[in-house]
């Protein structure tokens, strides 16, 4: 190629016309080779079936399917199951596929070859299963077998999944039931042991403690009154004993008249009634003393007075007898009060023990409440888990029946595989067109290479541009007669080759599948 050459469309067209044989020959060779190769390739037939996903025939709001939806992952799983060695080997054996290949290759190679011939594609609502074979009937039978296997595997997997789910839920339900029963026993034992310390018994314990405190306070009040009465009796006993001792040691003084003692007793009665009740022993004793004194005064008034009484020595008088009887009565009353006080002390001790017990129960309420809340929380959680498992078990049982009766979501053949009427491959027109196109490209490359290697001058412009010299004269090329005949022959061959290429290309274009 000369430096500085400018390739205009006219120059390129001139080069192509001048070296047209470099295009014609490669195109002719390419078309011929393509036709030869296309005719020697074996025919391949493709049979395809379309599988449609049929939705569940029972509404989802009534029965929910236990198996997962037929998603892309699910279809990929089914495809892997179909392409497994065990299933493909059985199909190969049953239909006697790849008989020639099995004589020289291993079963692994045959299965790999079959996997290459199988095509499984899925879209939103359908699955396309296709198989390519050298025999049209084999292609149809294998496609039918694969589609049936696809549907059977889906049904079997769904049934197995339903059974496994039911079995798993049964196990979990039994375990949850055992845990629930064990926890109920714990709660029952806890209530038996700490039933009186639970928060529900706090009000009852508080009321009982208040009632016991009221009883204790009443008992204490009674004991205080008993002690006051005993103190009063002790004073009366001390007074009587001191009077008796004085009477025994001192000369008998002028005897107090019975009327004076009656008046003193009558004056003492209102004082006792102001402090004590009418049925009080002191009041009754004083009333009895008043009656005795009234009787004695009446008797003395009936007898004449004795004149020798002052001269006689002191002897036991009616006053001494009354005093002794009164001392005995007071002593017995003090003993009764002591017994009552002792019994009151035991009763008060028992009441204090009850109050301490109720107080201990009330103090233990926060702790028992925390423990009961923890136990109840675990029990509520176990109960909720058991209820949820029970509902799921019922749903799984119904869903299992749905799968066993084949009324759930499943695949259904929409278009059954047919025996192909014409080969799927090789696409011979396309091969022919491809051979002609390859020859054309090779021819253009050869022209470009020849032009690149050609450094001859083609025109006076080339001479002036490269050599910087003026052209004075141009001598025409003197071609020999033989060269002219050769050019005519090449031109004729080129015309025939171009015509053949055009015919082949046109025929191939008309036969291309649309």
Protein backbone atom coordinates (compact mmCIF):
# COMPACT_ATOMS: atom_id res chain seq x y z
CA UNK A 1 0.00 0.00 0.00
CA UNK A 2 1.36 3.35 -1.03
CA UNK A 3 1.72 5.91 1.76
CA UNK A 4 -0.89 8.64 1.86
CA UNK A 5 -3.44 6.69 -0.19
CA UNK A 6 -6.99 7.92 0.32
CA UNK A 7 -9.69 5.25 -0.03
CA UNK A 8 -12.75 6.89 -1.42
CA UNK A 9 -15.93 4.93 -2.21
CA UNK A 10 -15.06 5.05 -5.90
CA UNK A 11 -11.57 3.69 -5.24
CA UNK A 12 -12.94 0.93 -2.98
CA UNK A 13 -15.51 -0.02 -5.60
CA UNK A 14 -12.80 -0.10 -8.26
CA UNK A 15 -10.66 -2.37 -6.06
CA UNK A 16 -13.55 -4.75 -5.42
CA UNK A 17 -14.44 -4.88 -9.12
CA UNK A 18 -10.85 -5.42 -10.09
CA UNK A 19 -10.38 -8.28 -7.57
CA UNK A 20 -13.89 -9.72 -7.55
CA UNK A 21 -12.56 -13.25 -7.97
CA UNK A 22 -11.12 -13.03 -4.40
CA UNK A 23 -14.71 -12.69 -3.17
CA UNK A 24 -16.42 -15.11 -5.55
CA UNK A 25 -14.16 -18.05 -4.85
CA UNK A 26 -14.33 -17.93 -0.98
CA UNK A 27 -18.08 -17.42 -1.10
CA UNK A 28 -18.50 -20.36 -3.46
CA UNK A 29 -16.22 -22.52 -1.31
CA UNK A 30 -18.00 -21.43 1.89
CA UNK A 31 -21.45 -22.18 0.51
CA UNK A 32 -20.33 -25.51 -0.83
CA UNK A 33 -18.70 -26.50 2.43
CA UNK A 34 -21.75 -25.37 4.41
CA UNK A 35 -24.10 -27.34 2.22
CA UNK A 36 -21.91 -30.42 2.54
CA UNK A 37 -21.66 -30.07 6.32
CA UNK A 38 -25.40 -29.39 6.73
CA UNK A 39 -26.27 -32.48 4.72
CA UNK A 40 -23.97 -34.69 6.75
CA UNK A 41 -25.30 -33.57 10.18
CA UNK A 42 -27.91 -35.92 11.71
CA UNK A 43 -31.48 -34.78 12.16
CA UNK A 44 -32.52 -33.84 15.71
CA UNK A 45 -36.19 -33.82 16.74
CA UNK A 46 -37.57 -31.81 19.61
CA UNK A 47 -40.76 -32.67 21.49
CA UNK A 48 -42.12 -30.32 24.13
CA UNK A 49 -44.90 -30.47 26.72
CA UNK A 50 -46.41 -27.56 28.61
CA UNK A 51 -47.36 -28.10 32.26
CA UNK A 52 -49.74 -25.66 33.92
CA UNK A 53 -50.00 -24.97 37.64
CA UNK A 54 -53.58 -25.62 38.71
CA UNK A 55 -54.59 -23.72 41.81
CA UNK A 56 -56.19 -25.31 44.85
CA UNK A 57 -59.82 -26.18 44.25
CA UNK A 58 -60.81 -25.49 47.86
CA UNK A 59 -60.63 -21.79 48.86
CA UNK A 60 -57.64 -20.89 51.01
CA UNK A 61 -59.83 -19.28 53.67
CA UNK A 62 -61.34 -22.72 54.38
CA UNK A 63 -58.29 -24.98 54.00
CA UNK A 64 -54.73 -23.76 53.82
CA UNK A 65 -52.29 -25.97 51.94
CA UNK A 66 -49.48 -27.36 54.04
CA UNK A 67 -47.05 -27.65 51.13
CA UNK A 68 -45.16 -24.60 49.90
CA UNK A 69 -46.24 -22.69 46.84
CA UNK A 70 -44.90 -23.80 43.49
CA UNK A 71 -42.17 -21.19 43.36
CA UNK A 72 -39.00 -21.08 41.30
CA UNK A 73 -37.11 -22.85 44.10
CA UNK A 74 -39.70 -25.60 44.18
CA UNK A 75 -39.52 -26.10 40.41
CA UNK A 76 -35.71 -26.14 40.60
CA UNK A 77 -35.95 -28.87 43.24
CA UNK A 78 -38.25 -30.93 41.03
CA UNK A 79 -35.89 -30.43 38.09
CA UNK A 80 -32.96 -31.71 40.13
CA UNK A 81 -34.98 -34.77 41.13
CA UNK A 82 -35.88 -35.50 37.52
CA UNK A 83 -32.28 -35.06 36.37
CA UNK A 84 -30.98 -37.45 39.02
CA UNK A 85 -29.04 -40.50 37.92
CA UNK A 86 -31.54 -43.06 39.21
CA UNK A 87 -34.51 -41.63 37.31
CA UNK A 88 -32.69 -40.92 34.05
CA UNK A 89 -31.04 -44.32 34.08
CA UNK A 90 -34.43 -45.98 34.45
CA UNK A 91 -35.81 -43.96 31.51
CA UNK A 92 -32.78 -44.85 29.38
CA UNK A 93 -33.19 -48.53 30.22
CA UNK A 94 -36.96 -48.64 29.74
CA UNK A 95 -36.94 -46.80 26.39
CA UNK A 96 -33.60 -48.19 25.17
CA UNK A 97 -32.14 -44.75 24.54
CA UNK A 98 -28.60 -44.02 23.29
CA UNK A 99 -28.04 -47.64 22.36
CA UNK A 100 -25.01 -46.83 20.22
CA UNK A 101 -23.46 -44.52 22.77
CA UNK A 102 -23.90 -47.02 25.61
CA UNK A 103 -21.77 -49.55 23.73
CA UNK A 104 -18.73 -47.28 23.82
CA UNK A 105 -19.33 -44.88 26.74
CA UNK A 106 -20.10 -45.21 30.43
CA UNK A 107 -23.52 -44.64 31.93
CA UNK A 108 -22.30 -41.39 33.46
CA UNK A 109 -21.48 -40.05 30.00
CA UNK A 110 -24.84 -41.20 28.68
CA UNK A 111 -26.66 -39.46 31.55
CA UNK A 112 -24.66 -36.29 30.93
CA UNK A 113 -25.64 -36.44 27.28
CA UNK A 114 -29.31 -36.89 28.22
CA UNK A 115 -29.14 -33.96 30.64
CA UNK A 116 -27.90 -31.82 27.76
CA UNK A 117 -30.84 -32.96 25.64
CA UNK A 118 -33.39 -32.14 28.37
CA UNK A 119 -34.65 -28.57 28.69
CA UNK A 120 -36.87 -27.40 31.56
CA UNK A 121 -37.99 -23.77 31.65
CA UNK A 122 -40.56 -22.15 33.88
CA UNK A 123 -42.42 -18.88 33.78
CA UNK A 124 -45.12 -17.45 36.03
CA UNK A 125 -47.85 -20.01 35.32
CA UNK A 126 -46.38 -22.79 33.15
CA UNK A 127 -43.42 -25.13 32.95
CA UNK A 128 -41.99 -26.21 29.58
CA UNK A 129 -40.34 -29.63 29.46
CA UNK A 130 -38.61 -30.52 26.18
CA UNK A 131 -36.40 -33.33 24.94
CA UNK A 132 -34.26 -33.50 21.80
CA UNK A 133 -33.53 -36.83 20.14
CA UNK A 134 -32.49 -38.27 16.80
CA UNK A 135 -35.74 -40.20 16.66
CA UNK A 136 -39.06 -38.33 16.58
CA UNK A 137 -40.98 -41.02 18.47
CA UNK A 138 -38.31 -41.29 21.14
CA UNK A 139 -38.42 -37.51 21.58
CA UNK A 140 -42.17 -37.66 22.13
CA UNK A 141 -42.01 -40.65 24.51
CA UNK A 142 -39.22 -39.19 26.62
CA UNK A 143 -40.96 -35.81 26.84
CA UNK A 144 -44.15 -37.56 27.93
CA UNK A 145 -42.23 -39.63 30.49
CA UNK A 146 -40.47 -36.56 31.87
CA UNK A 147 -43.72 -34.60 32.22
CA UNK A 148 -45.39 -37.52 34.00
CA UNK A 149 -42.38 -37.88 36.27
CA UNK A 150 -42.48 -34.14 36.99
CA UNK A 151 -46.14 -34.33 38.08
CA UNK A 152 -45.67 -37.57 40.05
CA UNK A 153 -42.64 -36.23 41.91
CA UNK A 154 -44.57 -33.11 42.83
CA UNK A 155 -47.53 -35.10 44.17
CA UNK A 156 -45.31 -37.54 46.04
CA UNK A 157 -43.26 -34.75 47.62
CA UNK A 158 -46.39 -32.93 48.73
CA UNK A 159 -47.85 -36.10 50.28
CA UNK A 160 -44.57 -36.92 52.00
CA UNK A 161 -44.32 -33.36 53.28
CA UNK A 162 -47.87 -33.56 54.64
CA UNK A 163 -47.15 -36.88 56.40
CA UNK A 164 -43.87 -35.62 57.84
CA UNK A 165 -45.56 -32.45 59.03
CA UNK A 166 -48.32 -34.45 60.73
CA UNK A 167 -45.77 -36.74 62.37
CA UNK A 168 -43.67 -33.81 63.54
CA UNK A 169 -46.69 -31.97 64.92
CA UNK A 170 -47.84 -35.14 66.72
CA UNK A 171 -44.47 -35.43 68.42
CA UNK A 172 -44.38 -31.77 69.36
CA UNK A 173 -47.99 -31.88 70.58
CA UNK A 174 -47.29 -34.89 72.83
CA UNK A 175 -44.21 -33.19 74.22
CA UNK A 176 -46.12 -29.96 74.84
CA UNK A 177 -48.93 -31.93 76.52
CA UNK A 178 -46.47 -33.67 78.86
CA UNK A 179 -44.81 -30.39 79.74
CA UNK A 180 -48.21 -28.79 80.35
CA UNK A 181 -49.29 -31.64 82.66
CA UNK A 182 -46.00 -31.51 84.55
CA UNK A 183 -46.36 -27.75 85.00
CA UNK A 184 -49.96 -28.15 86.16
CA UNK A 185 -48.75 -30.61 88.79
CA UNK A 186 -46.12 -28.12 89.89
CA UNK A 187 -48.76 -25.40 90.20
CA UNK A 188 -51.05 -27.74 92.12
CA UNK A 189 -48.26 -28.75 94.50
CA UNK A 190 -47.27 -25.13 94.95
CA UNK A 191 -50.83 -24.12 95.81
CA UNK A 192 -51.11 -27.00 98.25
CA UNK A 193 -47.89 -25.99 100.02
CA UNK A 194 -48.26 -22.20 99.92
CA UNK A 195 -52.02 -21.85 99.46
CA UNK A 196 -52.48 -19.59 102.53
CA UNK A 197 -49.59 -17.32 101.45
CA UNK A 198 -50.79 -16.61 97.93
CA UNK A 199 -51.86 -13.09 96.90
CA UNK A 200 -55.46 -14.27 96.54
CA UNK A 201 -55.50 -15.05 100.28
CA UNK A 202 -53.95 -11.72 101.35
CA UNK A 203 -57.33 -10.06 102.00
CA UNK A 204 -58.59 -13.07 103.93
CA UNK A 205 -55.41 -13.24 106.00
CA UNK A 206 -55.54 -9.51 106.72
CA UNK A 207 -59.19 -9.72 107.80
CA UNK A 208 -58.46 -12.76 109.95
CA UNK A 209 -55.48 -11.01 111.54
CA UNK A 210 -57.59 -7.94 112.29
CA UNK A 211 -60.30 -10.12 113.82
CA UNK A 212 -57.69 -11.93 115.92
CA UNK A 213 -56.20 -8.62 117.02
CA UNK A 214 -59.69 -7.48 118.03
CA UNK A 215 -60.14 -10.69 120.05
CA UNK A 216 -56.73 -10.20 121.64
CA UNK A 217 -57.54 -6.61 122.56
CA UNK A 218 -60.86 -7.69 124.06
CA UNK A 219 -59.11 -10.43 126.02
CA UNK A 220 -56.51 -7.95 127.23
CA UNK A 221 -59.27 -5.61 128.37
CA UNK A 222 -60.97 -8.43 130.25
CA UNK A 223 -57.65 -9.40 131.83
CA UNK A 224 -57.06 -5.80 132.88
CA UNK A 225 -60.48 -5.63 134.49
CA UNK A 226 -59.84 -8.96 136.23
CA UNK A 227 -56.54 -7.71 137.58
CA UNK A 228 -58.23 -4.55 138.85
CA UNK A 229 -60.90 -6.64 140.54
CA UNK A 230 -58.27 -8.92 142.07
CA UNK A 231 -56.40 -5.91 143.40
CA UNK A 232 -59.62 -4.64 144.95
CA UNK A 233 -60.31 -8.01 146.52
CA UNK A 234 -56.78 -8.21 147.87
CA UNK A 235 -57.29 -4.83 149.48
CA UNK A 236 -60.52 -5.99 151.04
CA UNK A 237 -58.83 -9.14 152.30
CA UNK A 238 -56.00 -7.05 153.74
CA UNK A 239 -58.50 -4.77 155.41
CA UNK A 240 -60.40 -7.69 156.91
CA UNK A 241 -57.25 -9.39 158.11
CA UNK A 242 -55.93 -6.15 159.63
CA UNK A 243 -59.27 -5.60 161.40
CA UNK A 244 -59.26 -9.15 162.70
CA UNK A 245 -55.69 -8.81 163.99
CA UNK A 246 -56.55 -5.54 165.68
CA UNK A 247 -59.60 -7.09 167.30
CA UNK A 248 -57.56 -9.99 168.60
CA UNK A 249 -54.68 -7.91 170.10
CA UNK A 250 -56.48 -4.86 171.42
CA UNK A 251 -59.03 -4.71 174.23
CA UNK A 252 -62.48 -4.97 172.94
CA UNK A 253 -63.57 -1.40 172.25
CA UNK A 254 -66.95 -0.17 172.30
CA UNK A 255 -68.69 -2.34 169.94
CA UNK A 256 -69.95 -0.72 166.79
CA UNK A 257 -73.59 -1.08 166.63
CA UNK A 258 -75.22 -3.18 163.96
CA UNK A 259 -77.17 -0.18 162.77
CA UNK A 260 -73.97 1.74 162.15
CA UNK A 261 -72.54 -1.13 160.09
CA UNK A 262 -75.79 -1.34 158.15
CA UNK A 263 -75.61 2.32 157.33
CA UNK A 264 -71.96 1.98 156.23
CA UNK A 265 -72.83 -1.00 154.00
CA UNK A 266 -75.75 0.86 152.47
CA UNK A 267 -73.46 3.84 151.80
CA UNK A 268 -70.88 1.59 150.14
CA UNK A 269 -73.42 -0.05 147.76
CA UNK A 270 -73.91 2.99 145.43
CA UNK A 271 -70.16 3.38 145.20
CA UNK A 272 -69.73 -0.23 144.01
CA UNK A 273 -72.65 0.07 141.60
CA UNK A 274 -70.95 3.05 139.96
CA UNK A 275 -67.86 0.94 139.17
CA UNK A 276 -69.26 -2.59 138.90
CA UNK A 277 -72.23 -4.28 137.37
CA UNK A 278 -75.18 -5.45 139.52
CA UNK A 279 -74.27 -9.12 138.99
CA UNK A 280 -70.71 -8.58 140.11
CA UNK A 281 -69.67 -10.85 143.02
CA UNK A 282 -68.68 -7.88 145.22
CA UNK A 283 -72.03 -6.26 144.66
CA UNK A 284 -73.86 -9.50 145.44
CA UNK A 285 -71.71 -10.02 148.56
CA UNK A 286 -72.39 -6.50 149.77
CA UNK A 287 -76.12 -6.93 149.17
CA UNK A 288 -76.00 -10.18 151.09
CA UNK A 289 -74.16 -8.41 153.93
CA UNK A 290 -76.80 -5.68 153.96
CA UNK A 291 -79.56 -8.27 154.22
CA UNK A 292 -77.74 -10.00 157.09
CA UNK A 293 -77.26 -6.70 158.90
CA UNK A 294 -80.90 -5.76 158.41
CA UNK A 295 -81.94 -9.12 159.90
CA UNK A 296 -79.51 -8.68 162.79
CA UNK A 297 -80.74 -5.14 163.51
CA UNK A 298 -84.28 -6.43 163.57
CA UNK A 299 -83.26 -9.19 166.02
CA UNK A 300 -81.43 -6.78 168.35
CA UNK A 301 -84.35 -4.45 168.40
CA UNK A 302 -86.55 -7.36 169.48
CA UNK A 303 -84.25 -8.29 172.52
CA UNK A 304 -83.58 -6.14 175.63
CA UNK A 305 -80.03 -4.78 176.01
CA UNK A 306 -77.61 -6.82 178.20
CA UNK A 307 -76.07 -5.02 181.17
CA UNK A 308 -73.17 -7.39 181.84
CA UNK A 309 -71.76 -7.38 178.30
CA UNK A 310 -68.90 -5.04 179.14
CA UNK A 311 -67.76 -7.14 182.01
CA UNK A 312 -67.56 -10.42 180.04
CA UNK A 313 -64.36 -11.46 178.24
CA UNK A 314 -64.20 -11.19 174.39
CA UNK A 315 -65.66 -14.11 172.47
CA UNK A 316 -66.43 -14.96 168.90
CA UNK A 317 -69.13 -12.77 167.67
CA UNK A 318 -71.39 -12.72 164.69
CA UNK A 319 -69.08 -10.11 163.16
CA UNK A 320 -66.17 -12.50 163.36
CA UNK A 321 -68.23 -15.18 161.66
CA UNK A 322 -69.26 -12.78 158.93
CA UNK A 323 -65.69 -11.61 158.57
CA UNK A 324 -64.41 -15.19 158.23
CA UNK A 325 -67.08 -16.04 155.71
CA UNK A 326 -66.29 -12.90 153.78
CA UNK A 327 -62.57 -13.73 153.85
CA UNK A 328 -63.34 -17.15 152.44
CA UNK A 329 -65.51 -15.64 149.75
CA UNK A 330 -62.85 -13.11 148.84
CA UNK A 331 -60.14 -15.79 148.76
CA UNK A 332 -62.27 -17.98 146.52
CA UNK A 333 -62.95 -15.05 144.24
CA UNK A 334 -59.22 -14.27 144.06
CA UNK A 335 -58.50 -17.92 143.17
CA UNK A 336 -61.18 -17.83 140.46
CA UNK A 337 -59.67 -14.64 139.10
CA UNK A 338 -56.20 -16.24 139.10
CA UNK A 339 -57.52 -19.22 137.19
CA UNK A 340 -59.28 -16.93 134.74
CA UNK A 341 -56.13 -14.85 134.29
CA UNK A 342 -54.04 -17.97 133.64
CA UNK A 343 -56.56 -19.17 131.05
CA UNK A 344 -56.65 -15.71 129.54
CA UNK A 345 -52.85 -15.70 129.25
CA UNK A 346 -52.89 -19.02 127.41
CA UNK A 347 -55.66 -17.76 125.15
CA UNK A 348 -53.79 -14.51 124.51
CA UNK A 349 -50.61 -16.44 123.71
CA UNK A 350 -52.53 -18.53 121.20
CA UNK A 351 -54.00 -15.35 119.69
CA UNK A 352 -50.54 -13.80 119.44
CA UNK A 353 -49.29 -16.96 117.71
CA UNK A 354 -52.18 -16.71 115.26
CA UNK A 355 -51.42 -13.04 114.62
CA UNK A 356 -47.73 -13.86 114.05
CA UNK A 357 -48.75 -16.61 111.64
CA UNK A 358 -51.05 -14.30 109.70
CA UNK A 359 -48.35 -11.63 109.66
CA UNK A 360 -45.83 -14.15 108.34
CA UNK A 361 -48.26 -15.12 105.59
CA UNK A 362 -48.77 -11.47 104.67
CA UNK A 363 -45.01 -10.86 104.68
CA UNK A 364 -44.52 -13.85 102.35
CA UNK A 365 -47.11 -12.56 99.82
CA UNK A 366 -44.60 -10.58 97.65
CA UNK A 367 -42.26 -13.54 97.40
CA UNK A 368 -45.07 -15.98 96.65
CA UNK A 369 -46.50 -13.53 94.16
CA UNK A 370 -43.19 -13.40 92.25
CA UNK A 371 -42.89 -17.17 92.29
CA UNK A 372 -46.49 -17.62 91.23
CA UNK A 373 -46.09 -15.05 88.43
CA UNK A 374 -43.06 -16.94 87.13
CA UNK A 375 -44.87 -20.27 87.29
CA UNK A 376 -48.02 -18.78 85.76
CA UNK A 377 -46.02 -17.09 82.99
CA UNK A 378 -44.39 -20.39 82.07
CA UNK A 379 -47.74 -22.12 82.28
CA UNK A 380 -49.39 -19.50 80.06
CA UNK A 381 -46.56 -19.84 77.54
CA UNK A 382 -46.87 -23.63 77.54
CA UNK A 383 -50.64 -23.39 77.23
CA UNK A 384 -50.38 -20.98 74.30
CA UNK A 385 -47.81 -23.25 72.64
CA UNK A 386 -50.02 -26.28 73.15
CA UNK A 387 -53.08 -24.46 71.78
CA UNK A 388 -51.12 -23.26 68.76
CA UNK A 389 -49.76 -26.76 68.08
CA UNK A 390 -53.24 -28.21 68.45
CA UNK A 391 -54.64 -25.76 65.89
CA UNK A 392 -51.73 -26.44 63.54
CA UNK A 393 -52.25 -30.18 63.98
CA UNK A 394 -55.89 -29.87 62.99
CA UNK A 395 -54.94 -27.73 59.99
CA UNK A 396 -52.19 -30.17 58.98
CA UNK A 397 -54.58 -33.11 59.20
CA UNK A 398 -57.09 -31.38 56.93
CA UNK A 399 -54.31 -30.29 54.56
CA UNK A 400 -53.03 -33.87 54.47
CA UNK A 401 -56.46 -35.07 53.40
CA UNK A 402 -56.41 -32.31 50.78
CA UNK A 403 -53.12 -33.61 49.36
CA UNK A 404 -54.18 -37.28 49.48
CA UNK A 405 -57.32 -36.50 47.50
CA UNK A 406 -55.30 -34.44 45.00
CA UNK A 407 -57.44 -31.34 45.25
CA UNK A 408 -54.65 -29.03 46.35
CA UNK A 409 -52.31 -27.00 44.13
CA UNK A 410 -50.82 -29.32 41.50
CA UNK A 411 -49.36 -29.45 38.02
CA UNK A 412 -51.51 -30.38 35.05
CA UNK A 413 -50.48 -31.06 31.46
CA UNK A 414 -51.69 -28.22 29.28
CA UNK A 415 -50.16 -29.35 25.96
CA UNK A 416 -49.23 -33.01 25.65
CA UNK A 417 -46.01 -33.83 23.78
CA UNK A 418 -46.44 -34.67 20.09
CA UNK A 419 -44.34 -36.50 17.56
CA UNK A 420 -42.37 -33.72 15.80
CA UNK A 421 -43.07 -33.48 12.07
CA UNK A 422 -39.72 -31.94 11.05
CA UNK A 423 -36.27 -31.81 12.57
CA UNK A 424 -35.46 -29.24 15.15
CA UNK A 425 -31.80 -29.19 14.14
CA UNK A 426 -29.60 -28.76 12.20
CA UNK A 427 -30.95 -25.59 10.62
CA UNK A 428 -29.51 -26.26 7.17
CA UNK A 429 -30.61 -22.97 5.49
CA UNK A 430 -29.01 -21.06 8.29
CA UNK A 431 -25.83 -23.11 7.91
CA UNK A 432 -25.80 -22.43 4.18
CA UNK A 433 -26.31 -18.72 4.73
CA UNK A 434 -23.62 -18.79 7.37
CA UNK A 435 -21.16 -20.51 5.00
CA UNK A 436 -21.81 -17.90 2.30
CA UNK A 437 -21.41 -15.07 4.82
CA UNK A 438 -18.15 -16.58 6.10
CA UNK A 439 -16.85 -16.86 2.52
CA UNK A 440 -17.80 -13.24 1.87
CA UNK A 441 -15.92 -12.11 4.96
CA UNK A 442 -12.89 -14.17 3.97
CA UNK A 443 -12.98 -12.70 0.45
CA UNK A 444 -13.10 -9.15 1.78
CA UNK A 445 -10.22 -9.92 4.12
CA UNK A 446 -8.19 -11.33 1.20
CA UNK A 447 -8.86 -8.19 -0.88
CA UNK A 448 -7.80 -6.02 2.05
CA UNK A 449 -4.64 -8.10 2.54
CA UNK A 450 -3.81 -7.96 -1.20
CA UNK A 451 -4.34 -4.22 -1.28
CA UNK A 452 -2.16 -3.82 1.80
CA UNK A 453 0.68 -5.75 0.17
CA UNK A 454 0.30 -4.05 -3.27
CA UNK A 455 2.79 -1.13 -3.60
CA UNK A 456 2.41 -0.49 -7.35
CA UNK A 457 1.30 2.83 -8.85
CA UNK A 458 -2.21 2.76 -10.14
CA UNK A 459 -2.57 6.35 -11.46
CA UNK A 460 -0.56 9.49 -12.20
CA UNK A 461 -1.85 10.93 -8.91
CA UNK A 462 -0.05 8.15 -7.05
CA UNK A 463 3.22 9.00 -8.84
CA UNK A 464 2.97 12.71 -8.15
CA UNK A 465 1.98 12.18 -4.50
CA UNK A 466 4.65 9.63 -3.66
CA UNK A 467 7.60 10.63 -5.93
CA UNK A 468 6.89 14.38 -6.17
CA UNK A 469 7.45 14.18 -9.96
CA UNK A 470 5.37 15.32 -12.85
CA UNK A 471 4.00 12.62 -15.19
CA UNK A 472 4.90 13.43 -18.81
CA UNK A 473 3.25 10.45 -20.51
CA UNK A 474 1.27 7.30 -19.69
CA UNK A 475 1.67 4.12 -21.70
CA UNK A 476 -1.38 1.81 -21.78
CA UNK A 477 -1.02 -1.75 -20.51
CA UNK A 478 -0.50 -4.24 -23.32
CA UNK A 479 -2.37 -7.41 -22.27
CA UNK A 480 -1.80 -10.62 -24.16
CA UNK A 481 -4.59 -12.56 -25.86
CA UNK A 482 -4.21 -15.38 -23.36
CA UNK A 483 -4.63 -13.02 -20.47
CA UNK A 484 -7.75 -11.63 -21.99
CA UNK A 485 -9.23 -15.11 -22.39
CA UNK A 486 -8.29 -15.95 -18.81
CA UNK A 487 -10.01 -12.86 -17.57
CA UNK A 488 -13.14 -13.79 -19.50
CA UNK A 489 -13.10 -17.28 -18.03
CA UNK A 490 -12.64 -15.91 -14.48
CA UNK A 491 -15.39 -13.40 -15.07
CA UNK A 492 -17.72 -16.14 -16.26
CA UNK A 493 -16.90 -18.33 -13.28
CA UNK A 494 -17.46 -15.36 -11.02
CA UNK A 495 -20.83 -14.64 -12.59
CA UNK A 496 -21.90 -18.26 -12.23
CA UNK A 497 -20.63 -18.42 -8.63
CA UNK A 498 -22.35 -15.19 -7.72
CA UNK A 499 -25.57 -16.42 -9.30
CA UNK A 500 -25.28 -19.70 -7.35
CA UNK A 501 -24.58 -17.85 -4.13
CA UNK A 502 -27.56 -15.58 -4.74
CA UNK A 503 -29.82 -18.58 -5.38
CA UNK A 504 -28.57 -20.40 -2.29
CA UNK A 505 -28.90 -17.32 -0.13
CA UNK A 506 -32.36 -16.63 -1.42
CA UNK A 507 -33.49 -20.21 -0.92
CA UNK A 508 -32.01 -20.28 2.56
CA UNK A 509 -33.64 -17.02 3.48
CA UNK A 510 -37.01 -18.31 2.34
CA UNK A 511 -36.61 -21.49 4.40
CA UNK A 512 -35.54 -19.77 7.62
CA UNK A 513 -38.05 -20.37 10.44
CA UNK A 514 -39.86 -17.28 11.68
